[in-house]
Amino acid sequence: MQTFEYPTINLKATGARIAELRREAGISVMELSRFMGFTEPQAVYKWQRGESLPTVDNLFALSKRLGITIEDILVSDDEMSSHLLNSAGTKKAA
């Protein structure tokens, strides 16, 4: 019988990813806030700090605005573990 671990989203890494993707797209926090229909930018700042995640509707809109999939935005704890292991392996080899 195959077992699976319950996947979880890493809030801090996802927030950093949102900030990175936003900057790469050349979109300011205010521009993104207006696109999302927010009157204030606090929600976007909370996402970027990893204090909260966008709602499913906001994730969908964000992915469309950035031209990527929702999965490209989210970072799982599994991905963080893999990234840390790969980074440690790269550092040792260097």
C-alpha atoms as a PDB file:
ATOM      1  CA  MET A   1       0.000   0.000   0.000  1.00  0.00           C
ATOM      2  CA  GLN A   2       1.380   3.362  -1.042  1.00  0.00           C
ATOM      3  CA  THR A   3       1.282   6.143   1.537  1.00  0.00           C
ATOM      4  CA  PHE A   4       1.483   9.855   0.965  1.00  0.00           C
ATOM      5  CA  GLU A   5       2.479  12.671   3.265  1.00  0.00           C
ATOM      6  CA  TYR A   6      -0.063  15.438   3.645  1.00  0.00           C
ATOM      7  CA  PRO A   7       1.315  18.377   1.632  1.00  0.00           C
ATOM      8  CA  THR A   8       1.658  21.714   3.399  1.00  0.00           C
ATOM      9  CA  ILE A   9       2.429  25.169   2.069  1.00  0.00           C
ATOM     10  CA  ASN A  10       5.428  27.038   3.425  1.00  0.00           C
ATOM     11  CA  LEU A  11       4.054  30.522   4.141  1.00  0.00           C
ATOM     12  CA  LYS A  12       7.385  32.355   4.341  1.00  0.00           C
ATOM     13  CA  ALA A  13       8.792  30.784   1.173  1.00  0.00           C
ATOM     14  CA  THR A  14       5.535  31.355  -0.709  1.00  0.00           C
ATOM     15  CA  GLY A  15       5.534  34.992   0.386  1.00  0.00           C
ATOM     16  CA  ALA A  16       9.115  35.404  -0.792  1.00  0.00           C
ATOM     17  CA  ARG A  17       8.137  33.745  -4.078  1.00  0.00           C
ATOM     18  CA  ILE A  18       5.225  36.163  -4.560  1.00  0.00           C
ATOM     19  CA  ALA A  19       7.542  39.124  -3.969  1.00  0.00           C
ATOM     20  CA  GLU A  20      10.138  37.690  -6.352  1.00  0.00           C
ATOM     21  CA  LEU A  21       7.596  37.001  -9.102  1.00  0.00           C
ATOM     22  CA  ARG A  22       6.051  40.446  -8.682  1.00  0.00           C
ATOM     23  CA  ARG A  23       9.440  42.158  -8.984  1.00  0.00           C
ATOM     24  CA  GLU A  24      10.435  40.026 -11.991  1.00  0.00           C
ATOM     25  CA  ALA A  25       7.196  41.079 -13.699  1.00  0.00           C
ATOM     26  CA  GLY A  26       7.999  44.736 -12.970  1.00  0.00           C
ATOM     27  CA  ILE A  27       4.812  45.227 -10.948  1.00  0.00           C
ATOM     28  CA  SER A  28       4.766  47.443  -7.863  1.00  0.00           C
ATOM     29  CA  VAL A  29       2.877  46.484  -4.723  1.00  0.00           C
ATOM     30  CA  MET A  30       0.442  49.323  -5.385  1.00  0.00           C
ATOM     31  CA  GLU A  31      -0.162  48.191  -8.970  1.00  0.00           C
ATOM     32  CA  LEU A  32      -0.811  44.641  -7.809  1.00  0.00           C
ATOM     33  CA  SER A  33      -3.106  45.891  -5.052  1.00  0.00           C
ATOM     34  CA  ARG A  34      -5.150  47.907  -7.543  1.00  0.00           C
ATOM     35  CA  PHE A  35      -5.309  44.956  -9.952  1.00  0.00           C
ATOM     36  CA  MET A  36      -6.626  42.767  -7.128  1.00  0.00           C
ATOM     37  CA  GLY A  37      -9.271  45.394  -6.319  1.00  0.00           C
ATOM     38  CA  PHE A  38      -7.816  46.329  -2.932  1.00  0.00           C
ATOM     39  CA  THR A  39      -8.010  49.894  -1.672  1.00  0.00           C
ATOM     40  CA  GLU A  40      -4.887  49.422   0.459  1.00  0.00           C
ATOM     41  CA  PRO A  41      -1.725  47.333  -0.137  1.00  0.00           C
ATOM     42  CA  GLN A  42      -1.653  45.609   3.282  1.00  0.00           C
ATOM     43  CA  ALA A  43      -2.906  42.266   1.942  1.00  0.00           C
ATOM     44  CA  VAL A  44      -0.084  42.066  -0.603  1.00  0.00           C
ATOM     45  CA  TYR A  45       2.473  42.991   2.054  1.00  0.00           C
ATOM     46  CA  LYS A  46       1.063  40.273   4.352  1.00  0.00           C
ATOM     47  CA  TRP A  47       1.389  37.713   1.552  1.00  0.00           C
ATOM     48  CA  GLN A  48       4.973  38.763   0.882  1.00  0.00           C
ATOM     49  CA  ARG A  49       5.907  38.524   4.575  1.00  0.00           C
ATOM     50  CA  GLY A  50       4.356  35.071   4.781  1.00  0.00           C
ATOM     51  CA  GLU A  51       1.758  36.173   7.308  1.00  0.00           C
ATOM     52  CA  SER A  52      -1.142  34.994   5.166  1.00  0.00           C
ATOM     53  CA  LEU A  53      -1.918  33.402   1.830  1.00  0.00           C
ATOM     54  CA  PRO A  54      -4.071  34.821  -0.943  1.00  0.00           C
ATOM     55  CA  THR A  55      -7.552  33.336  -1.188  1.00  0.00           C
ATOM     56  CA  VAL A  56      -8.107  30.832  -3.971  1.00  0.00           C
ATOM     57  CA  ASP A  57      -9.745  33.557  -6.081  1.00  0.00           C
ATOM     58  CA  ASN A  58      -6.804  35.896  -5.460  1.00  0.00           C
ATOM     59  CA  LEU A  59      -4.286  33.147  -6.223  1.00  0.00           C
ATOM     60  CA  PHE A  60      -6.086  32.518  -9.505  1.00  0.00           C
ATOM     61  CA  ALA A  61      -6.075  36.237 -10.393  1.00  0.00           C
ATOM     62  CA  LEU A  62      -2.415  36.557  -9.359  1.00  0.00           C
ATOM     63  CA  SER A  63      -1.412  33.595 -11.506  1.00  0.00           C
ATOM     64  CA  LYS A  64      -3.239  35.057 -14.521  1.00  0.00           C
ATOM     65  CA  ARG A  65      -1.652  38.492 -13.978  1.00  0.00           C
ATOM     66  CA  LEU A  66       1.814  36.936 -13.767  1.00  0.00           C
ATOM     67  CA  GLY A  67       1.185  34.482 -16.623  1.00  0.00           C
ATOM     68  CA  ILE A  68       2.000  31.413 -14.532  1.00  0.00           C
ATOM     69  CA  THR A  69       0.114  28.628 -12.768  1.00  0.00           C
ATOM     70  CA  ILE A  70      -1.041  28.731  -9.161  1.00  0.00           C
ATOM     71  CA  GLU A  71       1.344  25.862  -8.469  1.00  0.00           C
ATOM     72  CA  ASP A  72       4.243  28.066  -9.647  1.00  0.00           C
ATOM     73  CA  ILE A  73       3.371  30.537  -6.883  1.00  0.00           C
ATOM     74  CA  LEU A  74       2.997  28.138  -3.979  1.00  0.00           C
ATOM     75  CA  VAL A  75       6.031  26.622  -2.255  1.00  0.00           C
ATOM     76  CA  SER A  76       5.491  23.447  -0.271  1.00  0.00           C
ATOM     77  CA  ASP A  77       7.444  22.366   2.780  1.00  0.00           C
ATOM     78  CA  ASP A  78       8.636  19.402   0.670  1.00  0.00           C
ATOM     79  CA  GLU A  79      10.124  21.798  -1.877  1.00  0.00           C
ATOM     80  CA  MET A  80      11.863  23.747   0.881  1.00  0.00           C
ATOM     81  CA  SER A  81      13.370  20.532   2.271  1.00  0.00           C
ATOM     82  CA  SER A  82      14.565  19.521  -1.190  1.00  0.00           C
ATOM     83  CA  HIS A  83      15.960  22.994  -1.842  1.00  0.00           C
ATOM     84  CA  LEU A  84      17.833  23.015   1.473  1.00  0.00           C
ATOM     85  CA  LEU A  85      19.244  19.543   0.814  1.00  0.00           C
ATOM     86  CA  ASN A  86      20.334  20.520  -2.690  1.00  0.00           C
ATOM     87  CA  SER A  87      21.897  23.738  -1.398  1.00  0.00           C
ATOM     88  CA  ALA A  88      23.795  21.847   1.300  1.00  0.00           C
ATOM     89  CA  GLY A  89      24.994  19.305  -1.258  1.00  0.00           C
ATOM     90  CA  THR A  90      26.114  22.059  -3.630  1.00  0.00           C
ATOM     91  CA  LYS A  91      28.005  23.850  -0.876  1.00  0.00           C
ATOM     92  CA  LYS A  92      29.822  20.661   0.098  1.00  0.00           C
ATOM     93  CA  ALA A  93      30.812  19.971  -3.502  1.00  0.00           C
ATOM     94  CA  ALA A  94      32.142  23.496  -4.038  1.00  0.00           C
END
